[in-house]
Amino acid sequence: MITETGHVHDQRSLWLHYVIDEVHALLAEGIPLRGVCLYPILGMPEWHVRHQWTPMGLWDVEHQSLKFERKVHEPMLEKLRHAQKRFIAPA
């Protein structure tokens, strides 16, 4: 299993593309792989600057007044859908 992998800002989809290529290489070598954990799946506050949110993962967290909303990061969603089609056999 590949755990807690991710990147920030506009590098997210490029990072996921890299992970997808590495998964393909592992599977082509016959190395068993049971899953990939994208972490975090939501944007999150910086560890040492709690009021500063970093865009990470599949969804960004947008602040609208006192309300928080999720907004999908489309380039990463596109890469994730590509990976699902590539590695998940149809039922």
N, C-alpha and C. Protein backbone atom coordinates (compact mmCIF):
# COMPACT_ATOMS: atom_id res chain seq x y z
N MET A 1 0.84 -1.17 0.00
CA MET A 1 0.00 0.00 0.00
C MET A 1 0.89 1.24 0.00
N ILE A 2 0.48 2.22 -0.78
CA ILE A 2 1.14 3.52 -0.77
C ILE A 2 0.27 4.42 0.10
N THR A 3 0.86 4.97 1.17
CA THR A 3 0.06 5.74 2.12
C THR A 3 0.49 7.19 2.19
N GLU A 4 -0.46 8.01 2.57
CA GLU A 4 -0.26 9.43 2.82
C GLU A 4 0.58 10.12 1.77
N THR A 5 0.13 10.04 0.54
CA THR A 5 0.83 10.70 -0.55
C THR A 5 -0.02 11.84 -1.09
N GLY A 6 0.62 12.94 -1.36
CA GLY A 6 -0.11 14.08 -1.88
C GLY A 6 0.83 15.24 -2.17
N HIS A 7 0.29 16.28 -2.72
CA HIS A 7 1.07 17.48 -3.02
C HIS A 7 0.16 18.69 -2.85
N VAL A 8 0.71 19.86 -3.06
CA VAL A 8 -0.04 21.09 -2.81
C VAL A 8 -0.19 21.92 -4.08
N HIS A 9 -1.14 22.83 -4.01
CA HIS A 9 -1.39 23.82 -5.06
C HIS A 9 -1.56 23.17 -6.43
N ASP A 10 -0.96 23.76 -7.45
CA ASP A 10 -1.14 23.27 -8.82
C ASP A 10 -0.33 22.01 -9.12
N GLN A 11 0.49 21.57 -8.19
CA GLN A 11 1.29 20.36 -8.39
C GLN A 11 0.50 19.08 -8.10
N ARG A 12 -0.69 19.22 -7.56
CA ARG A 12 -1.47 18.05 -7.15
C ARG A 12 -1.72 17.07 -8.28
N SER A 13 -2.20 17.55 -9.41
CA SER A 13 -2.53 16.64 -10.51
C SER A 13 -1.27 16.04 -11.12
N LEU A 14 -0.19 16.82 -11.19
CA LEU A 14 1.08 16.28 -11.69
C LEU A 14 1.61 15.19 -10.76
N TRP A 15 1.48 15.41 -9.47
CA TRP A 15 1.91 14.40 -8.49
C TRP A 15 1.08 13.13 -8.64
N LEU A 16 -0.23 13.27 -8.77
CA LEU A 16 -1.08 12.09 -8.93
C LEU A 16 -0.74 11.35 -10.21
N HIS A 17 -0.44 12.08 -11.28
CA HIS A 17 -0.01 11.45 -12.52
C HIS A 17 1.25 10.61 -12.29
N TYR A 18 2.21 11.17 -11.55
CA TYR A 18 3.44 10.45 -11.22
C TYR A 18 3.12 9.19 -10.41
N VAL A 19 2.25 9.30 -9.42
CA VAL A 19 1.88 8.14 -8.60
C VAL A 19 1.22 7.07 -9.47
N ILE A 20 0.35 7.48 -10.38
CA ILE A 20 -0.32 6.53 -11.27
C ILE A 20 0.72 5.78 -12.12
N ASP A 21 1.69 6.49 -12.65
CA ASP A 21 2.74 5.83 -13.43
C ASP A 21 3.54 4.85 -12.58
N GLU A 22 3.82 5.20 -11.33
CA GLU A 22 4.56 4.31 -10.44
C GLU A 22 3.73 3.08 -10.09
N VAL A 23 2.44 3.26 -9.88
CA VAL A 23 1.55 2.12 -9.62
C VAL A 23 1.57 1.17 -10.81
N HIS A 24 1.48 1.72 -12.00
CA HIS A 24 1.52 0.90 -13.20
C HIS A 24 2.84 0.11 -13.27
N ALA A 25 3.95 0.77 -12.96
CA ALA A 25 5.26 0.10 -12.99
C ALA A 25 5.32 -1.02 -11.96
N LEU A 26 4.80 -0.77 -10.75
CA LEU A 26 4.79 -1.82 -9.71
C LEU A 26 3.99 -3.03 -10.16
N LEU A 27 2.80 -2.77 -10.67
CA LEU A 27 1.94 -3.86 -11.09
C LEU A 27 2.54 -4.62 -12.28
N ALA A 28 3.19 -3.91 -13.18
CA ALA A 28 3.83 -4.56 -14.32
C ALA A 28 4.97 -5.49 -13.87
N GLU A 29 5.59 -5.16 -12.75
CA GLU A 29 6.67 -6.00 -12.17
C GLU A 29 6.11 -7.16 -11.36
N GLY A 30 4.79 -7.20 -11.20
CA GLY A 30 4.17 -8.26 -10.42
C GLY A 30 4.19 -8.01 -8.92
N ILE A 31 4.48 -6.79 -8.52
CA ILE A 31 4.50 -6.44 -7.10
C ILE A 31 3.06 -6.18 -6.66
N PRO A 32 2.60 -6.90 -5.63
CA PRO A 32 1.21 -6.70 -5.21
C PRO A 32 1.02 -5.32 -4.57
N LEU A 33 -0.04 -4.66 -4.97
CA LEU A 33 -0.37 -3.35 -4.42
C LEU A 33 -1.85 -3.38 -4.10
N ARG A 34 -2.19 -3.08 -2.87
CA ARG A 34 -3.59 -3.17 -2.44
C ARG A 34 -4.32 -1.84 -2.40
N GLY A 35 -3.58 -0.73 -2.46
CA GLY A 35 -4.28 0.55 -2.45
C GLY A 35 -3.32 1.72 -2.40
N VAL A 36 -3.88 2.89 -2.66
CA VAL A 36 -3.16 4.16 -2.61
C VAL A 36 -4.01 5.12 -1.78
N CYS A 37 -3.41 5.69 -0.76
CA CYS A 37 -4.11 6.63 0.11
C CYS A 37 -3.69 8.05 -0.25
N LEU A 38 -4.64 8.84 -0.74
CA LEU A 38 -4.37 10.24 -1.02
C LEU A 38 -4.59 11.03 0.27
N TYR A 39 -3.56 11.70 0.74
CA TYR A 39 -3.66 12.41 2.02
C TYR A 39 -3.08 13.80 1.88
N PRO A 40 -3.75 14.77 2.36
CA PRO A 40 -5.15 14.74 2.79
C PRO A 40 -6.07 14.83 1.57
N ILE A 41 -7.28 14.41 1.73
CA ILE A 41 -8.23 14.48 0.62
C ILE A 41 -8.85 15.87 0.55
N LEU A 42 -8.78 16.62 1.64
CA LEU A 42 -9.27 18.00 1.71
C LEU A 42 -8.11 18.94 1.97
N GLY A 43 -8.24 20.20 1.53
CA GLY A 43 -7.28 21.20 1.96
C GLY A 43 -7.28 21.26 3.47
N MET A 44 -6.19 21.75 4.04
CA MET A 44 -6.11 21.77 5.50
C MET A 44 -5.28 22.95 5.98
N PRO A 45 -5.43 23.31 7.25
CA PRO A 45 -4.61 24.39 7.78
C PRO A 45 -3.14 23.99 7.83
N GLU A 46 -2.28 24.97 7.68
CA GLU A 46 -0.85 24.73 7.85
C GLU A 46 -0.60 24.28 9.29
N TRP A 47 0.40 23.42 9.49
CA TRP A 47 0.70 22.90 10.82
C TRP A 47 1.04 24.02 11.81
N HIS A 48 1.82 24.99 11.38
CA HIS A 48 2.30 26.02 12.30
C HIS A 48 1.63 27.38 12.10
N VAL A 49 0.74 27.47 11.12
CA VAL A 49 0.00 28.72 10.86
C VAL A 49 -1.46 28.32 10.67
N ARG A 50 -2.13 28.07 11.78
CA ARG A 50 -3.47 27.46 11.75
C ARG A 50 -4.51 28.26 10.96
N HIS A 51 -4.35 29.56 10.82
CA HIS A 51 -5.33 30.35 10.09
C HIS A 51 -5.09 30.34 8.58
N GLN A 52 -3.97 29.76 8.14
CA GLN A 52 -3.63 29.71 6.71
C GLN A 52 -3.94 28.31 6.16
N TRP A 53 -4.87 28.25 5.23
CA TRP A 53 -5.26 26.97 4.65
C TRP A 53 -4.46 26.71 3.38
N THR A 54 -4.01 25.48 3.21
CA THR A 54 -3.24 25.09 2.04
C THR A 54 -4.11 24.25 1.12
N PRO A 55 -4.19 24.59 -0.17
CA PRO A 55 -4.94 23.75 -1.10
C PRO A 55 -4.20 22.44 -1.33
N MET A 56 -4.80 21.37 -0.87
CA MET A 56 -4.23 20.03 -1.00
C MET A 56 -5.37 19.07 -1.33
N GLY A 57 -5.04 17.95 -1.85
CA GLY A 57 -6.04 16.91 -2.04
C GLY A 57 -7.01 17.19 -3.17
N LEU A 58 -8.06 16.42 -3.15
CA LEU A 58 -9.07 16.47 -4.20
C LEU A 58 -9.99 17.68 -4.05
N TRP A 59 -10.25 18.09 -2.82
CA TRP A 59 -11.12 19.24 -2.58
C TRP A 59 -10.36 20.33 -1.85
N ASP A 60 -10.65 21.55 -2.24
CA ASP A 60 -10.18 22.72 -1.49
C ASP A 60 -11.30 23.11 -0.54
N VAL A 61 -10.92 23.74 0.54
CA VAL A 61 -11.91 24.27 1.47
C VAL A 61 -11.94 25.78 1.28
N GLU A 62 -13.09 26.27 0.90
CA GLU A 62 -13.24 27.71 0.68
C GLU A 62 -14.02 28.30 1.84
N HIS A 63 -13.59 29.47 2.26
CA HIS A 63 -14.23 30.16 3.37
C HIS A 63 -15.19 31.20 2.81
N GLN A 64 -16.45 31.04 3.06
CA GLN A 64 -17.47 32.00 2.66
C GLN A 64 -18.11 32.52 3.95
N SER A 65 -17.67 33.68 4.39
CA SER A 65 -18.11 34.25 5.66
C SER A 65 -17.75 33.28 6.77
N LEU A 66 -18.73 32.79 7.50
CA LEU A 66 -18.47 31.83 8.57
C LEU A 66 -18.73 30.40 8.11
N LYS A 67 -18.92 30.24 6.83
CA LYS A 67 -19.28 28.94 6.27
C LYS A 67 -18.10 28.39 5.48
N PHE A 68 -17.86 27.09 5.60
CA PHE A 68 -16.82 26.42 4.84
C PHE A 68 -17.49 25.59 3.74
N GLU A 69 -16.92 25.65 2.54
CA GLU A 69 -17.46 24.86 1.44
C GLU A 69 -16.33 24.12 0.74
N ARG A 70 -16.65 22.93 0.25
CA ARG A 70 -15.68 22.16 -0.54
C ARG A 70 -15.81 22.53 -2.00
N LYS A 71 -14.67 22.64 -2.66
CA LYS A 71 -14.65 22.88 -4.10
C LYS A 71 -13.67 21.88 -4.69
N VAL A 72 -14.15 21.08 -5.63
CA VAL A 72 -13.31 20.05 -6.22
C VAL A 72 -12.20 20.70 -7.05
N HIS A 73 -11.02 20.12 -6.97
CA HIS A 73 -9.89 20.56 -7.80
C HIS A 73 -9.96 19.73 -9.09
N GLU A 74 -10.51 20.32 -10.13
CA GLU A 74 -10.83 19.60 -11.37
C GLU A 74 -9.65 18.84 -11.99
N PRO A 75 -8.43 19.43 -12.07
CA PRO A 75 -7.33 18.67 -12.66
C PRO A 75 -7.02 17.37 -11.91
N MET A 76 -7.15 17.41 -10.58
CA MET A 76 -6.89 16.20 -9.81
C MET A 76 -8.02 15.18 -9.98
N LEU A 77 -9.25 15.67 -10.04
CA LEU A 77 -10.38 14.78 -10.28
C LEU A 77 -10.23 14.07 -11.61
N GLU A 78 -9.78 14.80 -12.62
CA GLU A 78 -9.56 14.21 -13.94
C GLU A 78 -8.52 13.09 -13.87
N LYS A 79 -7.41 13.33 -13.16
CA LYS A 79 -6.37 12.31 -13.02
C LYS A 79 -6.87 11.11 -12.23
N LEU A 80 -7.66 11.36 -11.20
CA LEU A 80 -8.21 10.26 -10.39
C LEU A 80 -9.15 9.40 -11.23
N ARG A 81 -10.00 10.03 -12.02
CA ARG A 81 -10.90 9.27 -12.90
C ARG A 81 -10.11 8.46 -13.93
N HIS A 82 -9.03 9.04 -14.44
CA HIS A 82 -8.15 8.33 -15.36
C HIS A 82 -7.58 7.08 -14.69
N ALA A 83 -7.12 7.23 -13.46
CA ALA A 83 -6.55 6.09 -12.71
C ALA A 83 -7.60 5.02 -12.48
N GLN A 84 -8.81 5.42 -12.14
CA GLN A 84 -9.86 4.45 -11.91
C GLN A 84 -10.15 3.64 -13.17
N LYS A 85 -10.20 4.30 -14.30
CA LYS A 85 -10.44 3.59 -15.56
C LYS A 85 -9.28 2.66 -15.90
N ARG A 86 -8.08 3.08 -15.56
CA ARG A 86 -6.89 2.32 -15.92
C ARG A 86 -6.71 1.07 -15.06
N PHE A 87 -7.08 1.15 -13.77
CA PHE A 87 -6.74 0.07 -12.85
C PHE A 87 -7.91 -0.70 -12.29
N ILE A 88 -9.12 -0.23 -12.47
CA ILE A 88 -10.27 -0.94 -11.91
C ILE A 88 -10.97 -1.67 -13.05
N ALA A 89 -11.01 -2.99 -12.91
CA ALA A 89 -11.66 -3.80 -13.95
C ALA A 89 -13.17 -3.60 -13.88
N PRO A 90 -13.83 -3.55 -15.04
CA PRO A 90 -15.28 -3.41 -15.04
C PRO A 90 -15.94 -4.62 -14.40
N ALA A 91 -17.06 -4.40 -13.75
CA ALA A 91 -17.78 -5.49 -13.07
C ALA A 91 -18.54 -6.36 -14.05
